[in-house]
Amino acid sequence: QVQLVESGGGLVQPGGSLNLSCSAPAHIFRVYTMGWYRQAPENQRDLVASVTSGGLTDYADSVKGRFTISRDNAKRLMYLQMNSLKPEETAVYYCNARFLFPSEVNEYWGEGTQVTVSS
């Protein structure tokens, strides 16, 4: 069973910052695209940002310029630096690892970490 472990969630005031991290096994981290998704109550789970094994990044339009995704391959850690947080970004944030095989997608999920943006 592949384990992705998130940390760094919590309560932050509007306009504040948080840094999330996610660890993954070496054989996953080495080749999988890693990403962060978030899901608020009664909403679907949406992509926030992703980074390929080669370092190419992608962001949801709503977080561009405020969030930064990065990965440290030596430490097998992925990060999400979140700045200027908004109350509507309160959600459970999930770490994801995804690999596209020729005929299927293989992916794993962490258990999630709660981010609450509130005064």
N, C-alpha and C. Protein backbone atom coordinates (compact mmCIF):
# COMPACT_ATOMS: atom_id res chain seq x y z
N GLN A 1 0.85 -1.19 0.00
CA GLN A 1 0.00 0.00 0.00
C GLN A 1 0.88 1.24 0.00
N VAL A 2 0.65 2.10 -0.98
CA VAL A 2 1.44 3.32 -1.09
C VAL A 2 0.87 4.35 -0.13
N GLN A 3 1.75 4.97 0.64
CA GLN A 3 1.33 6.00 1.59
C GLN A 3 1.85 7.36 1.18
N LEU A 4 0.92 8.28 1.02
CA LEU A 4 1.26 9.69 0.86
C LEU A 4 0.86 10.38 2.15
N VAL A 5 1.76 11.14 2.74
CA VAL A 5 1.51 11.74 4.04
C VAL A 5 1.62 13.24 3.94
N GLU A 6 0.48 13.92 4.22
CA GLU A 6 0.45 15.38 4.19
C GLU A 6 0.68 15.94 5.59
N SER A 7 1.18 17.16 5.62
CA SER A 7 1.29 17.90 6.88
C SER A 7 1.28 19.39 6.57
N GLY A 8 1.03 20.19 7.61
CA GLY A 8 1.12 21.63 7.47
C GLY A 8 -0.19 22.38 7.45
N GLY A 9 -1.32 21.66 7.50
CA GLY A 9 -2.59 22.36 7.52
C GLY A 9 -2.83 23.04 8.85
N GLY A 10 -3.92 23.80 8.91
CA GLY A 10 -4.27 24.47 10.15
C GLY A 10 -5.18 25.64 9.92
N LEU A 11 -5.26 26.49 10.93
CA LEU A 11 -6.10 27.68 10.91
C LEU A 11 -5.23 28.90 10.62
N VAL A 12 -5.67 29.70 9.67
CA VAL A 12 -4.93 30.90 9.32
C VAL A 12 -5.93 32.01 9.03
N GLN A 13 -5.55 33.24 9.32
CA GLN A 13 -6.41 34.38 9.04
C GLN A 13 -6.41 34.72 7.55
N PRO A 14 -7.47 35.34 7.08
CA PRO A 14 -7.48 35.79 5.68
C PRO A 14 -6.26 36.66 5.39
N GLY A 15 -5.64 36.40 4.25
CA GLY A 15 -4.41 37.10 3.88
C GLY A 15 -3.15 36.45 4.39
N GLY A 16 -3.30 35.43 5.21
CA GLY A 16 -2.15 34.74 5.78
C GLY A 16 -1.57 33.69 4.85
N SER A 17 -0.58 32.96 5.38
CA SER A 17 0.14 31.97 4.59
C SER A 17 0.22 30.64 5.34
N LEU A 18 0.30 29.59 4.55
CA LEU A 18 0.56 28.25 5.07
C LEU A 18 1.45 27.52 4.08
N ASN A 19 2.22 26.57 4.59
CA ASN A 19 3.05 25.75 3.72
C ASN A 19 2.71 24.28 3.98
N LEU A 20 2.17 23.63 2.99
CA LEU A 20 1.84 22.21 3.09
C LEU A 20 3.00 21.37 2.55
N SER A 21 3.15 20.19 3.10
CA SER A 21 4.14 19.27 2.56
C SER A 21 3.55 17.88 2.44
N CYS A 22 4.13 17.10 1.55
CA CYS A 22 3.66 15.74 1.30
C CYS A 22 4.87 14.86 1.04
N SER A 23 4.92 13.73 1.71
CA SER A 23 5.99 12.77 1.48
C SER A 23 5.44 11.55 0.75
N ALA A 24 6.29 10.93 -0.05
CA ALA A 24 5.90 9.75 -0.82
C ALA A 24 7.07 8.77 -0.88
N PRO A 25 6.77 7.50 -1.11
CA PRO A 25 7.86 6.52 -1.26
C PRO A 25 8.74 6.88 -2.45
N ALA A 26 9.99 6.46 -2.37
CA ALA A 26 10.96 6.85 -3.39
C ALA A 26 10.55 6.41 -4.79
N HIS A 27 10.05 5.17 -4.93
CA HIS A 27 9.72 4.67 -6.27
C HIS A 27 8.53 5.41 -6.88
N ILE A 28 7.74 6.03 -6.05
CA ILE A 28 6.63 6.86 -6.55
C ILE A 28 7.13 8.25 -6.88
N PHE A 29 7.86 8.82 -5.93
CA PHE A 29 8.28 10.21 -6.08
C PHE A 29 9.18 10.40 -7.28
N ARG A 30 9.95 9.38 -7.59
CA ARG A 30 10.95 9.51 -8.66
C ARG A 30 10.30 9.74 -10.03
N VAL A 31 9.13 9.15 -10.28
CA VAL A 31 8.59 9.21 -11.64
C VAL A 31 7.17 9.76 -11.74
N TYR A 32 6.45 9.85 -10.62
CA TYR A 32 5.07 10.28 -10.70
C TYR A 32 4.96 11.80 -10.72
N THR A 33 3.94 12.29 -11.38
CA THR A 33 3.53 13.68 -11.24
C THR A 33 2.84 13.83 -9.89
N MET A 34 3.29 14.81 -9.13
CA MET A 34 2.72 15.05 -7.81
C MET A 34 1.82 16.29 -7.86
N GLY A 35 0.76 16.26 -7.10
CA GLY A 35 -0.15 17.39 -7.13
C GLY A 35 -0.90 17.59 -5.83
N TRP A 36 -1.51 18.76 -5.73
CA TRP A 36 -2.39 19.10 -4.61
C TRP A 36 -3.79 19.35 -5.15
N TYR A 37 -4.76 18.74 -4.49
CA TYR A 37 -6.16 18.97 -4.78
C TYR A 37 -6.82 19.49 -3.50
N ARG A 38 -7.96 20.08 -3.65
CA ARG A 38 -8.72 20.51 -2.46
C ARG A 38 -10.19 20.25 -2.67
N GLN A 39 -10.85 20.02 -1.54
CA GLN A 39 -12.28 19.72 -1.57
C GLN A 39 -12.95 20.37 -0.37
N ALA A 40 -13.85 21.28 -0.66
CA ALA A 40 -14.67 21.90 0.37
C ALA A 40 -15.95 21.08 0.53
N PRO A 41 -16.62 21.22 1.67
CA PRO A 41 -17.86 20.45 1.88
C PRO A 41 -18.85 20.66 0.75
N GLU A 42 -19.41 19.58 0.26
CA GLU A 42 -20.41 19.58 -0.80
C GLU A 42 -19.87 20.05 -2.15
N ASN A 43 -18.57 20.12 -2.28
CA ASN A 43 -17.95 20.48 -3.55
C ASN A 43 -17.17 19.29 -4.11
N GLN A 44 -16.82 19.36 -5.38
CA GLN A 44 -15.97 18.33 -5.95
C GLN A 44 -14.52 18.60 -5.59
N ARG A 45 -13.70 17.58 -5.79
CA ARG A 45 -12.28 17.72 -5.52
C ARG A 45 -11.61 18.33 -6.76
N ASP A 46 -10.95 19.44 -6.59
CA ASP A 46 -10.38 20.18 -7.71
C ASP A 46 -8.86 20.26 -7.60
N LEU A 47 -8.21 20.26 -8.77
CA LEU A 47 -6.77 20.43 -8.81
C LEU A 47 -6.38 21.85 -8.40
N VAL A 48 -5.40 21.95 -7.52
CA VAL A 48 -4.85 23.24 -7.13
C VAL A 48 -3.56 23.51 -7.91
N ALA A 49 -2.66 22.53 -7.87
CA ALA A 49 -1.38 22.68 -8.55
C ALA A 49 -0.74 21.31 -8.71
N SER A 50 0.13 21.19 -9.71
CA SER A 50 0.84 19.94 -9.92
C SER A 50 2.25 20.23 -10.39
N VAL A 51 3.12 19.23 -10.17
CA VAL A 51 4.50 19.34 -10.63
C VAL A 51 4.96 17.98 -11.13
N THR A 52 5.50 17.94 -12.34
CA THR A 52 5.96 16.68 -12.91
C THR A 52 7.29 16.27 -12.29
N SER A 53 7.71 15.05 -12.58
CA SER A 53 9.00 14.58 -12.08
C SER A 53 10.14 15.43 -12.61
N GLY A 54 9.92 16.08 -13.75
CA GLY A 54 10.94 16.95 -14.33
C GLY A 54 10.85 18.39 -13.87
N GLY A 55 9.84 18.69 -13.06
CA GLY A 55 9.74 20.03 -12.50
C GLY A 55 8.79 20.98 -13.20
N LEU A 56 8.04 20.50 -14.19
CA LEU A 56 7.07 21.36 -14.85
C LEU A 56 5.85 21.54 -13.95
N THR A 57 5.40 22.77 -13.82
CA THR A 57 4.30 23.07 -12.91
C THR A 57 3.05 23.52 -13.64
N ASP A 58 1.93 23.33 -12.97
CA ASP A 58 0.64 23.77 -13.48
C ASP A 58 -0.19 24.23 -12.30
N TYR A 59 -0.97 25.29 -12.49
CA TYR A 59 -1.77 25.86 -11.41
C TYR A 59 -3.19 26.12 -11.86
N ALA A 60 -4.11 26.00 -10.93
CA ALA A 60 -5.46 26.48 -11.18
C ALA A 60 -5.39 28.00 -11.32
N ASP A 61 -6.23 28.54 -12.18
CA ASP A 61 -6.19 29.99 -12.42
C ASP A 61 -6.38 30.78 -11.13
N SER A 62 -7.20 30.26 -10.23
CA SER A 62 -7.55 31.00 -9.03
C SER A 62 -6.38 31.17 -8.06
N VAL A 63 -5.33 30.37 -8.21
CA VAL A 63 -4.22 30.44 -7.26
C VAL A 63 -2.94 30.97 -7.88
N LYS A 64 -2.95 31.20 -9.18
CA LYS A 64 -1.74 31.69 -9.84
C LYS A 64 -1.28 33.01 -9.23
N GLY A 65 0.01 33.08 -8.96
CA GLY A 65 0.58 34.28 -8.36
C GLY A 65 0.55 34.29 -6.85
N ARG A 66 -0.21 33.36 -6.25
CA ARG A 66 -0.29 33.31 -4.78
C ARG A 66 0.27 32.00 -4.22
N PHE A 67 0.09 30.92 -4.95
CA PHE A 67 0.56 29.61 -4.50
C PHE A 67 1.78 29.19 -5.31
N THR A 68 2.67 28.46 -4.66
CA THR A 68 3.84 27.92 -5.34
C THR A 68 4.01 26.46 -4.97
N ILE A 69 4.06 25.61 -5.98
CA ILE A 69 4.31 24.18 -5.76
C ILE A 69 5.76 23.89 -6.07
N SER A 70 6.35 23.01 -5.29
CA SER A 70 7.75 22.63 -5.52
C SER A 70 7.97 21.22 -5.00
N ARG A 71 9.08 20.63 -5.41
CA ARG A 71 9.41 19.29 -4.94
C ARG A 71 10.91 19.18 -4.70
N ASP A 72 11.24 18.44 -3.65
CA ASP A 72 12.64 18.15 -3.33
C ASP A 72 12.82 16.65 -3.54
N ASN A 73 13.41 16.29 -4.66
CA ASN A 73 13.50 14.87 -5.00
C ASN A 73 14.40 14.11 -4.03
N ALA A 74 15.41 14.76 -3.51
CA ALA A 74 16.32 14.08 -2.58
C ALA A 74 15.60 13.73 -1.28
N LYS A 75 14.70 14.59 -0.84
CA LYS A 75 13.99 14.36 0.42
C LYS A 75 12.64 13.69 0.20
N ARG A 76 12.25 13.52 -1.06
CA ARG A 76 10.94 12.92 -1.39
C ARG A 76 9.81 13.73 -0.77
N LEU A 77 9.92 15.03 -0.89
CA LEU A 77 8.91 15.92 -0.34
C LEU A 77 8.40 16.87 -1.42
N MET A 78 7.11 17.09 -1.40
CA MET A 78 6.48 18.08 -2.25
C MET A 78 5.89 19.14 -1.33
N TYR A 79 5.92 20.39 -1.77
CA TYR A 79 5.45 21.50 -0.96
C TYR A 79 4.41 22.31 -1.72
N LEU A 80 3.55 22.96 -0.95
CA LEU A 80 2.64 23.94 -1.51
C LEU A 80 2.68 25.16 -0.59
N GLN A 81 3.33 26.21 -1.07
CA GLN A 81 3.36 27.46 -0.32
C GLN A 81 2.14 28.28 -0.73
N MET A 82 1.30 28.58 0.23
CA MET A 82 0.06 29.29 -0.04
C MET A 82 0.10 30.65 0.64
N ASN A 83 0.01 31.70 -0.16
CA ASN A 83 0.02 33.06 0.35
C ASN A 83 -1.31 33.75 0.05
N SER A 84 -1.58 34.81 0.77
CA SER A 84 -2.80 35.61 0.56
C SER A 84 -4.03 34.73 0.54
N LEU A 85 -4.15 33.87 1.51
CA LEU A 85 -5.25 32.92 1.56
C LEU A 85 -6.59 33.62 1.77
N LYS A 86 -7.62 33.03 1.17
CA LYS A 86 -8.97 33.60 1.22
C LYS A 86 -9.90 32.64 1.97
N PRO A 87 -10.94 33.14 2.60
CA PRO A 87 -11.87 32.26 3.34
C PRO A 87 -12.46 31.17 2.46
N GLU A 88 -12.72 31.47 1.20
CA GLU A 88 -13.31 30.47 0.30
C GLU A 88 -12.35 29.35 -0.06
N GLU A 89 -11.11 29.47 0.37
CA GLU A 89 -10.14 28.40 0.13
C GLU A 89 -10.06 27.42 1.29
N THR A 90 -10.94 27.59 2.24
CA THR A 90 -11.09 26.61 3.31
C THR A 90 -11.53 25.28 2.70
N ALA A 91 -10.75 24.23 2.97
CA ALA A 91 -11.02 22.93 2.37
C ALA A 91 -10.07 21.90 2.95
N VAL A 92 -10.33 20.66 2.63
CA VAL A 92 -9.34 19.61 2.89
C VAL A 92 -8.43 19.55 1.67
N TYR A 93 -7.15 19.62 1.90
CA TYR A 93 -6.16 19.60 0.83
C TYR A 93 -5.54 18.20 0.77
N TYR A 94 -5.55 17.63 -0.42
CA TYR A 94 -5.08 16.26 -0.62
C TYR A 94 -3.83 16.23 -1.50
N CYS A 95 -2.90 15.41 -1.10
CA CYS A 95 -1.74 15.11 -1.93
C CYS A 95 -2.08 14.00 -2.90
N ASN A 96 -1.60 14.13 -4.13
CA ASN A 96 -1.90 13.15 -5.18
C ASN A 96 -0.62 12.80 -5.93
N ALA A 97 -0.49 11.54 -6.28
CA ALA A 97 0.59 11.08 -7.14
C ALA A 97 -0.04 10.38 -8.34
N ARG A 98 0.36 10.75 -9.55
CA ARG A 98 -0.31 10.23 -10.75
C ARG A 98 0.73 9.87 -11.81
N PHE A 99 0.50 8.70 -12.46
CA PHE A 99 1.37 8.27 -13.56
C PHE A 99 0.51 7.78 -14.70
N LEU A 100 0.74 8.30 -15.89
CA LEU A 100 -0.03 7.90 -17.07
C LEU A 100 0.67 6.78 -17.81
N PHE A 101 0.15 5.56 -17.67
CA PHE A 101 0.63 4.45 -18.49
C PHE A 101 -0.05 4.53 -19.85
N PRO A 102 0.40 3.77 -20.82
CA PRO A 102 -0.22 3.84 -22.16
C PRO A 102 -1.73 3.61 -22.15
N SER A 103 -2.21 2.74 -21.26
CA SER A 103 -3.63 2.41 -21.31
C SER A 103 -4.36 2.67 -20.01
N GLU A 104 -3.72 3.23 -19.03
CA GLU A 104 -4.39 3.49 -17.77
C GLU A 104 -3.66 4.57 -16.98
N VAL A 105 -4.38 5.10 -16.01
CA VAL A 105 -3.80 6.07 -15.08
C VAL A 105 -3.68 5.41 -13.72
N ASN A 106 -2.52 5.48 -13.12
CA ASN A 106 -2.30 4.96 -11.79
C ASN A 106 -2.12 6.14 -10.85
N GLU A 107 -2.90 6.19 -9.77
CA GLU A 107 -2.76 7.31 -8.87
C GLU A 107 -3.01 6.90 -7.43
N TYR A 108 -2.45 7.70 -6.54
CA TYR A 108 -2.58 7.48 -5.11
C TYR A 108 -2.94 8.81 -4.45
N TRP A 109 -3.60 8.68 -3.29
CA TRP A 109 -4.06 9.86 -2.55
C TRP A 109 -3.61 9.78 -1.10
N GLY A 110 -3.31 10.95 -0.54
CA GLY A 110 -3.13 11.03 0.88
C GLY A 110 -4.47 11.14 1.58
N GLU A 111 -4.44 11.18 2.89
CA GLU A 111 -5.68 11.25 3.66
C GLU A 111 -6.22 12.67 3.77
N GLY A 112 -5.40 13.65 3.43
CA GLY A 112 -5.85 15.03 3.45
C GLY A 112 -5.47 15.77 4.71
N THR A 113 -5.33 17.08 4.56
CA THR A 113 -5.05 17.95 5.70
C THR A 113 -5.98 19.16 5.62
N GLN A 114 -6.58 19.51 6.74
CA GLN A 114 -7.57 20.58 6.77
C GLN A 114 -6.88 21.94 6.79
N VAL A 115 -7.35 22.80 5.89
CA VAL A 115 -6.92 24.20 5.88
C VAL A 115 -8.16 25.05 6.12
N THR A 116 -8.13 25.86 7.15
CA THR A 116 -9.24 26.73 7.48
C THR A 116 -8.76 28.17 7.47
N VAL A 117 -9.40 28.97 6.64
CA VAL A 117 -9.05 30.40 6.52
C VAL A 117 -10.19 31.20 7.13
N SER A 118 -9.94 31.76 8.29
CA SER A 118 -11.00 32.43 9.02
C SER A 118 -10.40 33.41 10.02
N SER A 119 -11.14 34.48 10.26
CA SER A 119 -10.73 35.44 11.28
C SER A 119 -11.39 35.14 12.62
